[in-house]
Structure formats: structure tokens, C-alpha cells
Amino acid sequence: MTVRSGGAPLEPGRKIYYSITEVAEMADVKPHVLRYWETEFTALRPKKNRAGNRIYRERDVKLVLLIRRLLYEEGFTIKGARKRLQEKRAEQLDQIEIPFTQQEKDRTMTRLREELESILAELG
């Protein structure tokens, strides 16, 4: 856990948005390193506010901390870390496939259409 110059620890999950300085302190890297990582890791895309400053959400912070661990603690290269992140993402995307017959799909779509038409009628 990194400590801010004022003595208060910085931890993800305390706020909705974090500045690049705060995230850099949490990851114990310089802000320019985070900007570089954005060019190397497509999953790391913090939003920007109206002033053009990067605002990191909790998921961005977690990704930064994971990238840091892969690079600095586990010794991955940028290319290796990128590959590992893709593998982790693929693992998370694996889903159980539930087989539906075409007839079940058609019935479900008909029910959804009817329900949406009912909602639209209530709104209109």
C-alpha cells in the first residue's frame, strides 16, 4: 500500500475516480509510465474529463496494479504481460453454453417483442 505525502494511505475502492497522480502513487510508478502503458495495453483506456485530464475508475486502477505486478514482480516483458492479460481475459469470457432449439429461441423472441410493445404502448 502506498502512502500519500500527507500520510494517508491510497487504496483502490475509496473513490469513484482517481487522477493519474493518485494512480501513479498507488502503483509506485511515475505518471509518464502510466501514459506509456496506455500505448502498450489496449485494455488500459482511462476516460478523460472536460479539462482533458485522465480519470481512472476502480477497474482501471486494478488493471494498472495487475500490469505493475506482471512487469515488476513477476518479471514479464511488455509483450509477455500483454499476452498474459489476454489469456486472463479469455478465461473470464468462457461461458457455459446453454443449448436452445430454434423453436425455444423463436418463442423467447416473441415474448420479448410482446413485452417491449406493451411497454411502448404504456409510454405512448
N, C-alpha and C. Protein backbone atom coordinates (compact mmCIF):
# COMPACT_ATOMS: atom_id res chain seq x y z
N MET A 1 0.85 -1.17 0.00
CA MET A 1 0.00 0.00 0.00
C MET A 1 0.90 1.23 0.00
N THR A 2 0.60 2.17 -0.86
CA THR A 2 1.38 3.39 -0.98
C THR A 2 0.80 4.45 -0.05
N VAL A 3 1.68 5.29 0.46
CA VAL A 3 1.23 6.34 1.37
C VAL A 3 1.39 7.69 0.68
N ARG A 4 0.34 8.46 0.70
CA ARG A 4 0.36 9.80 0.14
C ARG A 4 1.28 10.68 0.99
N SER A 5 1.80 11.76 0.42
CA SER A 5 2.72 12.63 1.14
C SER A 5 2.12 13.14 2.45
N GLY A 6 0.80 13.24 2.53
CA GLY A 6 0.14 13.69 3.75
C GLY A 6 0.04 12.59 4.79
N GLY A 7 0.45 11.37 4.44
CA GLY A 7 0.43 10.28 5.40
C GLY A 7 -0.75 9.33 5.27
N ALA A 8 -1.77 9.70 4.49
CA ALA A 8 -2.95 8.84 4.34
C ALA A 8 -2.69 7.80 3.26
N PRO A 9 -3.01 6.54 3.52
CA PRO A 9 -2.77 5.52 2.51
C PRO A 9 -3.71 5.65 1.31
N LEU A 10 -3.20 5.32 0.15
CA LEU A 10 -4.01 5.33 -1.06
C LEU A 10 -4.40 3.89 -1.37
N GLU A 11 -5.67 3.64 -1.50
CA GLU A 11 -6.16 2.30 -1.81
C GLU A 11 -7.26 2.41 -2.85
N PRO A 12 -7.28 1.49 -3.81
CA PRO A 12 -8.41 1.50 -4.74
C PRO A 12 -9.70 1.17 -4.00
N GLY A 13 -10.82 1.70 -4.50
CA GLY A 13 -12.11 1.41 -3.90
C GLY A 13 -12.62 2.50 -2.97
N ARG A 14 -11.84 3.51 -2.73
CA ARG A 14 -12.25 4.59 -1.84
C ARG A 14 -13.05 5.68 -2.56
N LYS A 15 -12.80 5.85 -3.87
CA LYS A 15 -13.45 6.90 -4.64
C LYS A 15 -13.94 6.32 -5.95
N ILE A 16 -14.71 7.11 -6.68
CA ILE A 16 -15.20 6.68 -7.99
C ILE A 16 -14.13 6.93 -9.04
N TYR A 17 -13.49 8.09 -8.99
CA TYR A 17 -12.47 8.45 -9.97
C TYR A 17 -11.17 8.83 -9.27
N TYR A 18 -10.06 8.51 -9.93
CA TYR A 18 -8.74 8.83 -9.41
C TYR A 18 -7.97 9.59 -10.49
N SER A 19 -7.13 10.50 -10.07
CA SER A 19 -6.27 11.22 -11.01
C SER A 19 -5.07 10.35 -11.37
N ILE A 20 -4.36 10.73 -12.40
CA ILE A 20 -3.18 9.96 -12.81
C ILE A 20 -2.12 10.00 -11.70
N THR A 21 -2.04 11.11 -10.98
CA THR A 21 -1.07 11.23 -9.89
C THR A 21 -1.40 10.24 -8.78
N GLU A 22 -2.68 10.13 -8.43
CA GLU A 22 -3.09 9.20 -7.38
C GLU A 22 -2.81 7.75 -7.79
N VAL A 23 -3.13 7.42 -9.04
CA VAL A 23 -2.92 6.05 -9.51
C VAL A 23 -1.42 5.74 -9.59
N ALA A 24 -0.65 6.71 -10.03
CA ALA A 24 0.80 6.53 -10.07
C ALA A 24 1.36 6.28 -8.68
N GLU A 25 0.85 6.98 -7.68
CA GLU A 25 1.29 6.76 -6.30
C GLU A 25 0.90 5.37 -5.81
N MET A 26 -0.34 4.94 -6.14
CA MET A 26 -0.78 3.61 -5.73
C MET A 26 0.09 2.52 -6.34
N ALA A 27 0.46 2.71 -7.59
CA ALA A 27 1.25 1.70 -8.30
C ALA A 27 2.75 1.89 -8.09
N ASP A 28 3.11 2.97 -7.43
CA ASP A 28 4.52 3.29 -7.18
C ASP A 28 5.31 3.40 -8.48
N VAL A 29 4.71 4.13 -9.44
CA VAL A 29 5.38 4.44 -10.70
C VAL A 29 5.17 5.92 -10.99
N LYS A 30 5.88 6.43 -11.96
CA LYS A 30 5.70 7.82 -12.37
C LYS A 30 4.52 7.92 -13.34
N PRO A 31 3.86 9.09 -13.38
CA PRO A 31 2.73 9.25 -14.30
C PRO A 31 3.07 8.96 -15.77
N HIS A 32 4.30 9.28 -16.19
CA HIS A 32 4.66 9.02 -17.59
C HIS A 32 4.67 7.52 -17.89
N VAL A 33 4.91 6.70 -16.88
CA VAL A 33 4.87 5.25 -17.06
C VAL A 33 3.44 4.81 -17.36
N LEU A 34 2.48 5.38 -16.64
CA LEU A 34 1.07 5.05 -16.90
C LEU A 34 0.68 5.47 -18.31
N ARG A 35 1.12 6.64 -18.74
CA ARG A 35 0.80 7.09 -20.10
C ARG A 35 1.41 6.14 -21.13
N TYR A 36 2.62 5.65 -20.86
CA TYR A 36 3.26 4.69 -21.76
C TYR A 36 2.48 3.38 -21.77
N TRP A 37 2.07 2.91 -20.62
CA TRP A 37 1.32 1.66 -20.55
C TRP A 37 0.03 1.76 -21.36
N GLU A 38 -0.58 2.93 -21.40
CA GLU A 38 -1.80 3.11 -22.20
C GLU A 38 -1.53 2.82 -23.67
N THR A 39 -0.32 3.11 -24.14
CA THR A 39 0.01 2.85 -25.55
C THR A 39 0.31 1.38 -25.79
N GLU A 40 0.68 0.65 -24.74
CA GLU A 40 1.07 -0.75 -24.88
C GLU A 40 -0.03 -1.74 -24.53
N PHE A 41 -0.96 -1.35 -23.69
CA PHE A 41 -2.03 -2.23 -23.23
C PHE A 41 -3.37 -1.62 -23.64
N THR A 42 -3.99 -2.22 -24.64
CA THR A 42 -5.24 -1.64 -25.17
C THR A 42 -6.37 -1.64 -24.15
N ALA A 43 -6.31 -2.53 -23.17
CA ALA A 43 -7.36 -2.58 -22.15
C ALA A 43 -7.29 -1.39 -21.20
N LEU A 44 -6.14 -0.75 -21.14
CA LEU A 44 -5.97 0.40 -20.24
C LEU A 44 -6.30 1.68 -21.00
N ARG A 45 -7.52 2.12 -20.85
CA ARG A 45 -8.00 3.32 -21.53
C ARG A 45 -8.80 4.17 -20.55
N PRO A 46 -8.13 4.93 -19.68
CA PRO A 46 -8.90 5.77 -18.76
C PRO A 46 -9.63 6.87 -19.53
N LYS A 47 -10.79 7.23 -19.03
CA LYS A 47 -11.56 8.31 -19.64
C LYS A 47 -10.85 9.62 -19.34
N LYS A 48 -11.28 10.66 -20.03
CA LYS A 48 -10.76 12.00 -19.76
C LYS A 48 -11.92 12.90 -19.38
N ASN A 49 -11.67 13.80 -18.45
CA ASN A 49 -12.72 14.74 -18.04
C ASN A 49 -12.78 15.91 -19.02
N ARG A 50 -13.62 16.89 -18.75
CA ARG A 50 -13.78 18.02 -19.66
C ARG A 50 -12.48 18.79 -19.85
N ALA A 51 -11.66 18.79 -18.83
CA ALA A 51 -10.39 19.52 -18.93
C ALA A 51 -9.32 18.70 -19.66
N GLY A 52 -9.66 17.45 -20.01
CA GLY A 52 -8.70 16.62 -20.72
C GLY A 52 -7.80 15.80 -19.82
N ASN A 53 -8.06 15.85 -18.51
CA ASN A 53 -7.25 15.07 -17.56
C ASN A 53 -7.76 13.64 -17.49
N ARG A 54 -6.85 12.70 -17.36
CA ARG A 54 -7.25 11.29 -17.24
C ARG A 54 -7.95 11.06 -15.91
N ILE A 55 -9.04 10.31 -15.97
CA ILE A 55 -9.72 9.90 -14.75
C ILE A 55 -9.83 8.38 -14.77
N TYR A 56 -9.23 7.79 -13.77
CA TYR A 56 -9.18 6.34 -13.67
C TYR A 56 -10.30 5.84 -12.77
N ARG A 57 -11.04 4.84 -13.24
CA ARG A 57 -12.05 4.18 -12.41
C ARG A 57 -11.37 3.04 -11.66
N GLU A 58 -12.11 2.42 -10.75
CA GLU A 58 -11.54 1.35 -9.94
C GLU A 58 -11.01 0.21 -10.81
N ARG A 59 -11.75 -0.13 -11.87
CA ARG A 59 -11.28 -1.22 -12.73
C ARG A 59 -9.99 -0.84 -13.44
N ASP A 60 -9.82 0.45 -13.79
CA ASP A 60 -8.57 0.91 -14.40
C ASP A 60 -7.42 0.78 -13.40
N VAL A 61 -7.70 1.15 -12.14
CA VAL A 61 -6.68 1.07 -11.10
C VAL A 61 -6.26 -0.39 -10.88
N LYS A 62 -7.24 -1.30 -10.84
CA LYS A 62 -6.93 -2.71 -10.66
C LYS A 62 -6.08 -3.23 -11.82
N LEU A 63 -6.39 -2.79 -13.03
CA LEU A 63 -5.60 -3.20 -14.19
C LEU A 63 -4.18 -2.66 -14.10
N VAL A 64 -4.03 -1.41 -13.70
CA VAL A 64 -2.69 -0.83 -13.53
C VAL A 64 -1.90 -1.64 -12.51
N LEU A 65 -2.52 -1.98 -11.39
CA LEU A 65 -1.82 -2.74 -10.36
C LEU A 65 -1.47 -4.14 -10.86
N LEU A 66 -2.32 -4.74 -11.67
CA LEU A 66 -2.02 -6.04 -12.25
C LEU A 66 -0.86 -5.94 -13.23
N ILE A 67 -0.88 -4.93 -14.08
CA ILE A 67 0.21 -4.72 -15.04
C ILE A 67 1.52 -4.52 -14.29
N ARG A 68 1.48 -3.71 -13.23
CA ARG A 68 2.69 -3.46 -12.45
C ARG A 68 3.23 -4.76 -11.86
N ARG A 69 2.32 -5.59 -11.31
CA ARG A 69 2.75 -6.86 -10.72
C ARG A 69 3.38 -7.76 -11.77
N LEU A 70 2.74 -7.84 -12.94
CA LEU A 70 3.28 -8.68 -14.00
C LEU A 70 4.66 -8.22 -14.45
N LEU A 71 4.83 -6.91 -14.59
CA LEU A 71 6.10 -6.38 -15.08
C LEU A 71 7.18 -6.35 -14.03
N TYR A 72 6.86 -5.85 -12.85
CA TYR A 72 7.89 -5.58 -11.85
C TYR A 72 8.14 -6.74 -10.89
N GLU A 73 7.08 -7.48 -10.56
CA GLU A 73 7.25 -8.54 -9.58
C GLU A 73 7.43 -9.91 -10.23
N GLU A 74 6.68 -10.16 -11.31
CA GLU A 74 6.77 -11.47 -11.95
C GLU A 74 7.75 -11.49 -13.11
N GLY A 75 8.29 -10.32 -13.48
CA GLY A 75 9.35 -10.26 -14.47
C GLY A 75 8.93 -10.43 -15.92
N PHE A 76 7.65 -10.22 -16.23
CA PHE A 76 7.20 -10.32 -17.61
C PHE A 76 7.74 -9.15 -18.43
N THR A 77 7.93 -9.36 -19.71
CA THR A 77 8.19 -8.26 -20.63
C THR A 77 6.85 -7.62 -20.95
N ILE A 78 6.87 -6.48 -21.63
CA ILE A 78 5.62 -5.84 -22.04
C ILE A 78 4.81 -6.83 -22.90
N LYS A 79 5.48 -7.45 -23.86
CA LYS A 79 4.81 -8.39 -24.75
C LYS A 79 4.24 -9.57 -23.96
N GLY A 80 5.02 -10.09 -23.02
CA GLY A 80 4.56 -11.22 -22.21
C GLY A 80 3.40 -10.84 -21.31
N ALA A 81 3.46 -9.64 -20.73
CA ALA A 81 2.37 -9.17 -19.87
C ALA A 81 1.10 -8.97 -20.69
N ARG A 82 1.25 -8.43 -21.90
CA ARG A 82 0.10 -8.24 -22.78
C ARG A 82 -0.55 -9.59 -23.09
N LYS A 83 0.27 -10.59 -23.39
CA LYS A 83 -0.24 -11.93 -23.68
C LYS A 83 -0.94 -12.52 -22.46
N ARG A 84 -0.34 -12.35 -21.29
CA ARG A 84 -0.94 -12.89 -20.06
C ARG A 84 -2.29 -12.24 -19.77
N LEU A 85 -2.39 -10.93 -20.00
CA LEU A 85 -3.67 -10.23 -19.80
C LEU A 85 -4.73 -10.74 -20.77
N GLN A 86 -4.34 -11.01 -22.01
CA GLN A 86 -5.27 -11.56 -22.98
C GLN A 86 -5.75 -12.95 -22.55
N GLU A 87 -4.83 -13.76 -22.00
CA GLU A 87 -5.20 -15.09 -21.52
C GLU A 87 -6.18 -14.99 -20.35
N LYS A 88 -5.90 -14.05 -19.41
CA LYS A 88 -6.79 -13.87 -18.27
C LYS A 88 -8.17 -13.43 -18.74
N ARG A 89 -8.20 -12.55 -19.72
CA ARG A 89 -9.48 -12.08 -20.24
C ARG A 89 -10.25 -13.22 -20.90
N ALA A 90 -9.55 -14.06 -21.65
CA ALA A 90 -10.20 -15.20 -22.31
C ALA A 90 -10.77 -16.16 -21.27
N GLU A 91 -10.05 -16.35 -20.16
CA GLU A 91 -10.54 -17.22 -19.09
C GLU A 91 -11.84 -16.67 -18.50
N GLN A 92 -11.91 -15.35 -18.35
CA GLN A 92 -13.09 -14.73 -17.77
C GLN A 92 -14.27 -14.76 -18.73
N LEU A 93 -13.98 -14.80 -20.03
CA LEU A 93 -15.05 -14.77 -21.02
C LEU A 93 -15.64 -16.14 -21.31
N ASP A 94 -14.96 -17.20 -20.87
CA ASP A 94 -15.51 -18.53 -21.07
C ASP A 94 -16.86 -18.62 -20.38
N GLN A 95 -17.85 -19.05 -21.12
CA GLN A 95 -19.19 -19.15 -20.58
C GLN A 95 -19.74 -20.54 -20.86
N ILE A 96 -20.67 -20.93 -20.04
CA ILE A 96 -21.36 -22.19 -20.25
C ILE A 96 -22.37 -21.96 -21.36
N GLU A 97 -22.32 -22.79 -22.36
CA GLU A 97 -23.26 -22.64 -23.45
C GLU A 97 -24.51 -23.45 -23.14
N ILE A 98 -25.64 -22.79 -23.17
CA ILE A 98 -26.92 -23.44 -22.91
C ILE A 98 -27.59 -23.63 -24.26
N PRO A 99 -27.80 -24.88 -24.65
CA PRO A 99 -28.38 -25.12 -25.97
C PRO A 99 -29.87 -24.79 -25.98
N PHE A 100 -30.28 -24.06 -27.01
CA PHE A 100 -31.68 -23.73 -27.23
C PHE A 100 -32.06 -24.27 -28.60
N THR A 101 -33.23 -24.79 -28.68
CA THR A 101 -33.73 -25.18 -30.00
C THR A 101 -34.19 -23.91 -30.70
N GLN A 102 -34.33 -23.97 -32.01
CA GLN A 102 -34.79 -22.80 -32.76
C GLN A 102 -36.19 -22.41 -32.30
N GLN A 103 -37.01 -23.40 -31.97
CA GLN A 103 -38.37 -23.13 -31.51
C GLN A 103 -38.33 -22.35 -30.19
N GLU A 104 -37.45 -22.73 -29.27
CA GLU A 104 -37.33 -22.01 -27.99
C GLU A 104 -36.84 -20.59 -28.21
N LYS A 105 -35.90 -20.41 -29.13
CA LYS A 105 -35.40 -19.07 -29.44
C LYS A 105 -36.53 -18.20 -30.00
N ASP A 106 -37.31 -18.79 -30.92
CA ASP A 106 -38.42 -18.04 -31.53
C ASP A 106 -39.46 -17.63 -30.49
N ARG A 107 -39.79 -18.57 -29.58
CA ARG A 107 -40.76 -18.25 -28.52
C ARG A 107 -40.24 -17.14 -27.62
N THR A 108 -38.97 -17.22 -27.26
CA THR A 108 -38.38 -16.21 -26.39
C THR A 108 -38.39 -14.85 -27.08
N MET A 109 -38.03 -14.81 -28.34
CA MET A 109 -38.03 -13.55 -29.07
C MET A 109 -39.44 -12.97 -29.20
N THR A 110 -40.42 -13.83 -29.41
CA THR A 110 -41.81 -13.38 -29.50
C THR A 110 -42.27 -12.78 -28.17
N ARG A 111 -41.94 -13.46 -27.05
CA ARG A 111 -42.31 -12.94 -25.72
C ARG A 111 -41.63 -11.59 -25.46
N LEU A 112 -40.35 -11.48 -25.81
CA LEU A 112 -39.64 -10.22 -25.61
C LEU A 112 -40.26 -9.10 -26.44
N ARG A 113 -40.57 -9.41 -27.70
CA ARG A 113 -41.18 -8.41 -28.57
C ARG A 113 -42.51 -7.95 -28.00
N GLU A 114 -43.34 -8.90 -27.55
CA GLU A 114 -44.64 -8.54 -26.98
C GLU A 114 -44.48 -7.68 -25.74
N GLU A 115 -43.52 -8.04 -24.91
CA GLU A 115 -43.30 -7.26 -23.69
C GLU A 115 -42.82 -5.85 -24.01
N LEU A 116 -41.91 -5.73 -24.98
CA LEU A 116 -41.43 -4.40 -25.37
C LEU A 116 -42.54 -3.57 -26.00
N GLU A 117 -43.39 -4.21 -26.80
CA GLU A 117 -44.52 -3.48 -27.41
C GLU A 117 -45.49 -3.02 -26.33
N SER A 118 -45.67 -3.83 -25.29
CA SER A 118 -46.54 -3.46 -24.18
C SER A 118 -45.98 -2.25 -23.44
N ILE A 119 -44.69 -2.27 -23.20
CA ILE A 119 -44.05 -1.14 -22.52
C ILE A 119 -44.15 0.12 -23.38
N LEU A 120 -43.91 -0.05 -24.67
CA LEU A 120 -44.00 1.10 -25.59
C LEU A 120 -45.42 1.67 -25.61
N ALA A 121 -46.43 0.80 -25.57
CA ALA A 121 -47.83 1.26 -25.56
C ALA A 121 -48.12 2.04 -24.29
N GLU A 122 -47.58 1.59 -23.17
CA GLU A 122 -47.80 2.30 -21.90
C GLU A 122 -47.12 3.67 -21.91
N LEU A 123 -45.98 3.77 -22.54
CA LEU A 123 -45.26 5.05 -22.60
C LEU A 123 -45.89 6.03 -23.59
N GLY A 124 -46.48 5.48 -24.65
CA GLY A 124 -47.02 6.31 -25.71
C GLY A 124 -48.40 6.71 -25.45
